[in-house]
Amino acid sequence: MTIPAGSSDVEPGVAPTADVTLSWDTFTEASDEAGISRRYGGIHFTDADLIGRKLGRRVAGKTWDKATAYFQGTTG
């Protein structure tokens, strides 16, 4: 994902001063980075971040199982 220079909603035309490209090898890496940034930003406490990520993995697993069942035609 690339954020173009000057595209900030908070400081349009000013920030970021250069294009910023973010990339992750896995969804877990993206989740970790997002969770940590929310802690640094004061949006979440550590427990809220860690518990939220744990819940997210459970929801993702259930969603994957359900989607797989649909793809295989084993659910009605």
N, C-alpha and C. Protein backbone atom coordinates (compact mmCIF):
# COMPACT_ATOMS: atom_id res chain seq x y z
N MET A 1 0.85 -1.14 0.00
CA MET A 1 0.00 0.00 0.00
C MET A 1 0.91 1.22 0.00
N THR A 2 0.65 2.17 -0.89
CA THR A 2 1.45 3.38 -0.95
C THR A 2 0.59 4.59 -0.64
N ILE A 3 1.07 5.41 0.29
CA ILE A 3 0.39 6.66 0.65
C ILE A 3 1.16 7.77 -0.06
N PRO A 4 0.51 8.46 -0.99
CA PRO A 4 1.22 9.49 -1.76
C PRO A 4 1.62 10.70 -0.91
N ALA A 5 2.72 11.31 -1.27
CA ALA A 5 3.16 12.53 -0.60
C ALA A 5 2.05 13.57 -0.63
N GLY A 6 1.86 14.26 0.49
CA GLY A 6 0.89 15.35 0.56
C GLY A 6 -0.56 14.92 0.66
N SER A 7 -0.83 13.62 0.84
CA SER A 7 -2.21 13.15 0.81
C SER A 7 -2.90 13.07 2.17
N SER A 8 -2.26 13.56 3.21
CA SER A 8 -2.84 13.50 4.55
C SER A 8 -4.15 14.28 4.63
N ASP A 9 -5.15 13.70 5.29
CA ASP A 9 -6.41 14.41 5.54
C ASP A 9 -6.21 15.48 6.61
N VAL A 10 -5.24 15.27 7.50
CA VAL A 10 -4.99 16.21 8.60
C VAL A 10 -4.12 17.37 8.14
N GLU A 11 -3.10 17.09 7.35
CA GLU A 11 -2.21 18.12 6.83
C GLU A 11 -2.09 17.99 5.31
N PRO A 12 -3.18 18.26 4.58
CA PRO A 12 -3.14 18.09 3.12
C PRO A 12 -2.07 18.96 2.47
N GLY A 13 -1.38 18.35 1.52
CA GLY A 13 -0.33 19.07 0.81
C GLY A 13 0.98 19.16 1.57
N VAL A 14 0.98 18.72 2.83
CA VAL A 14 2.17 18.84 3.67
C VAL A 14 2.73 17.46 4.05
N ALA A 15 1.86 16.59 4.46
CA ALA A 15 2.31 15.29 4.97
C ALA A 15 1.63 14.16 4.20
N PRO A 16 2.29 13.07 4.04
CA PRO A 16 3.71 12.89 4.28
C PRO A 16 4.54 13.68 3.26
N THR A 17 5.78 13.92 3.60
CA THR A 17 6.63 14.71 2.71
C THR A 17 7.12 13.91 1.50
N ALA A 18 7.03 12.59 1.59
CA ALA A 18 7.41 11.70 0.48
C ALA A 18 6.43 10.54 0.46
N ASP A 19 6.33 9.85 -0.66
CA ASP A 19 5.48 8.66 -0.72
C ASP A 19 5.93 7.67 0.36
N VAL A 20 4.97 7.04 1.01
CA VAL A 20 5.26 6.03 2.03
C VAL A 20 4.64 4.71 1.58
N THR A 21 5.46 3.67 1.48
CA THR A 21 4.96 2.36 1.09
C THR A 21 5.01 1.42 2.29
N LEU A 22 3.87 0.83 2.58
CA LEU A 22 3.77 -0.15 3.66
C LEU A 22 3.52 -1.51 3.04
N SER A 23 4.20 -2.53 3.55
CA SER A 23 3.97 -3.89 3.05
C SER A 23 4.25 -4.89 4.16
N TRP A 24 3.56 -6.02 4.09
CA TRP A 24 3.71 -7.08 5.07
C TRP A 24 3.70 -8.39 4.33
N ASP A 25 4.43 -9.36 4.85
CA ASP A 25 4.46 -10.69 4.24
C ASP A 25 3.24 -11.51 4.63
N THR A 26 2.63 -11.19 5.78
CA THR A 26 1.48 -11.96 6.25
C THR A 26 0.44 -11.03 6.86
N PHE A 27 -0.78 -11.53 6.98
CA PHE A 27 -1.82 -10.76 7.67
C PHE A 27 -1.45 -10.57 9.14
N THR A 28 -0.77 -11.54 9.73
CA THR A 28 -0.35 -11.42 11.12
C THR A 28 0.61 -10.25 11.30
N GLU A 29 1.54 -10.08 10.37
CA GLU A 29 2.46 -8.94 10.45
C GLU A 29 1.69 -7.62 10.36
N ALA A 30 0.72 -7.55 9.48
CA ALA A 30 -0.09 -6.33 9.35
C ALA A 30 -0.87 -6.08 10.63
N SER A 31 -1.44 -7.13 11.20
CA SER A 31 -2.19 -7.02 12.44
C SER A 31 -1.30 -6.55 13.59
N ASP A 32 -0.11 -7.13 13.68
CA ASP A 32 0.83 -6.72 14.73
C ASP A 32 1.18 -5.24 14.62
N GLU A 33 1.47 -4.80 13.41
CA GLU A 33 1.84 -3.39 13.22
C GLU A 33 0.67 -2.47 13.53
N ALA A 34 -0.52 -2.84 13.10
CA ALA A 34 -1.70 -2.02 13.38
C ALA A 34 -1.97 -1.96 14.88
N GLY A 35 -1.86 -3.11 15.56
CA GLY A 35 -2.11 -3.14 17.00
C GLY A 35 -1.12 -2.29 17.77
N ILE A 36 0.15 -2.41 17.43
CA ILE A 36 1.18 -1.64 18.12
C ILE A 36 1.00 -0.15 17.87
N SER A 37 0.65 0.22 16.65
CA SER A 37 0.46 1.65 16.35
C SER A 37 -0.71 2.21 17.15
N ARG A 38 -1.73 1.41 17.38
CA ARG A 38 -2.88 1.88 18.18
C ARG A 38 -2.51 2.04 19.63
N ARG A 39 -1.59 1.20 20.10
CA ARG A 39 -1.11 1.39 21.48
C ARG A 39 -0.30 2.67 21.57
N TYR A 40 0.63 2.85 20.63
CA TYR A 40 1.45 4.07 20.64
C TYR A 40 0.60 5.32 20.52
N GLY A 41 -0.47 5.23 19.76
CA GLY A 41 -1.35 6.38 19.56
C GLY A 41 -2.31 6.61 20.72
N GLY A 42 -2.30 5.72 21.70
CA GLY A 42 -3.18 5.87 22.85
C GLY A 42 -4.63 5.48 22.57
N ILE A 43 -4.87 4.80 21.47
CA ILE A 43 -6.23 4.40 21.10
C ILE A 43 -6.64 3.16 21.88
N HIS A 44 -5.70 2.22 22.10
CA HIS A 44 -5.99 0.99 22.82
C HIS A 44 -4.94 0.75 23.91
N PHE A 45 -5.37 0.06 24.96
CA PHE A 45 -4.44 -0.44 25.96
C PHE A 45 -3.88 -1.76 25.44
N THR A 46 -2.79 -2.22 26.04
CA THR A 46 -2.16 -3.47 25.60
C THR A 46 -3.14 -4.63 25.61
N ASP A 47 -3.89 -4.79 26.71
CA ASP A 47 -4.84 -5.91 26.78
C ASP A 47 -5.87 -5.84 25.67
N ALA A 48 -6.39 -4.66 25.39
CA ALA A 48 -7.40 -4.52 24.32
C ALA A 48 -6.82 -4.92 22.97
N ASP A 49 -5.58 -4.53 22.73
CA ASP A 49 -4.91 -4.89 21.48
C ASP A 49 -4.74 -6.40 21.37
N LEU A 50 -4.15 -7.00 22.39
CA LEU A 50 -3.85 -8.43 22.33
C LEU A 50 -5.11 -9.29 22.31
N ILE A 51 -6.09 -8.95 23.13
CA ILE A 51 -7.34 -9.70 23.15
C ILE A 51 -8.09 -9.51 21.82
N GLY A 52 -8.06 -8.30 21.28
CA GLY A 52 -8.71 -8.04 20.00
C GLY A 52 -8.08 -8.83 18.87
N ARG A 53 -6.76 -8.93 18.88
CA ARG A 53 -6.10 -9.72 17.84
C ARG A 53 -6.41 -11.21 17.98
N LYS A 54 -6.46 -11.68 19.23
CA LYS A 54 -6.81 -13.08 19.47
C LYS A 54 -8.23 -13.37 18.96
N LEU A 55 -9.16 -12.48 19.26
CA LEU A 55 -10.53 -12.63 18.78
C LEU A 55 -10.57 -12.59 17.26
N GLY A 56 -9.80 -11.68 16.67
CA GLY A 56 -9.74 -11.58 15.21
C GLY A 56 -9.28 -12.87 14.55
N ARG A 57 -8.30 -13.54 15.16
CA ARG A 57 -7.83 -14.82 14.61
C ARG A 57 -8.93 -15.88 14.70
N ARG A 58 -9.69 -15.87 15.80
CA ARG A 58 -10.79 -16.85 15.94
C ARG A 58 -11.87 -16.59 14.90
N VAL A 59 -12.24 -15.33 14.73
CA VAL A 59 -13.27 -14.97 13.74
C VAL A 59 -12.79 -15.34 12.34
N ALA A 60 -11.53 -15.04 12.04
CA ALA A 60 -10.97 -15.38 10.72
C ALA A 60 -11.02 -16.88 10.48
N GLY A 61 -10.69 -17.67 11.49
CA GLY A 61 -10.73 -19.12 11.35
C GLY A 61 -12.13 -19.63 11.06
N LYS A 62 -13.11 -19.12 11.80
CA LYS A 62 -14.51 -19.52 11.58
C LYS A 62 -14.97 -19.09 10.19
N THR A 63 -14.58 -17.89 9.78
CA THR A 63 -14.97 -17.38 8.46
C THR A 63 -14.35 -18.24 7.36
N TRP A 64 -13.09 -18.59 7.52
CA TRP A 64 -12.41 -19.44 6.54
C TRP A 64 -13.11 -20.79 6.44
N ASP A 65 -13.43 -21.38 7.59
CA ASP A 65 -14.11 -22.68 7.59
C ASP A 65 -15.45 -22.59 6.86
N LYS A 66 -16.21 -21.55 7.14
CA LYS A 66 -17.53 -21.37 6.51
C LYS A 66 -17.38 -21.18 5.00
N ALA A 67 -16.45 -20.32 4.59
CA ALA A 67 -16.24 -20.08 3.16
C ALA A 67 -15.80 -21.35 2.45
N THR A 68 -14.90 -22.10 3.08
CA THR A 68 -14.43 -23.35 2.49
C THR A 68 -15.58 -24.33 2.29
N ALA A 69 -16.46 -24.40 3.29
CA ALA A 69 -17.63 -25.29 3.18
C ALA A 69 -18.51 -24.88 2.00
N TYR A 70 -18.72 -23.58 1.82
CA TYR A 70 -19.50 -23.11 0.67
C TYR A 70 -18.82 -23.47 -0.64
N PHE A 71 -17.51 -23.24 -0.73
CA PHE A 71 -16.78 -23.54 -1.95
C PHE A 71 -16.86 -25.03 -2.30
N GLN A 72 -16.88 -25.87 -1.27
CA GLN A 72 -16.92 -27.31 -1.49
C GLN A 72 -18.34 -27.84 -1.62
N GLY A 73 -19.33 -26.96 -1.44
CA GLY A 73 -20.72 -27.35 -1.57
C GLY A 73 -21.22 -28.23 -0.44
N THR A 74 -20.59 -28.10 0.74
CA THR A 74 -20.97 -28.95 1.87
C THR A 74 -21.83 -28.24 2.90
N THR A 75 -22.34 -27.07 2.55
CA THR A 75 -23.24 -26.35 3.46
C THR A 75 -24.45 -25.87 2.68
N GLY A 76 -25.58 -25.75 3.38
CA GLY A 76 -26.80 -25.36 2.68
C GLY A 76 -27.25 -24.06 3.02
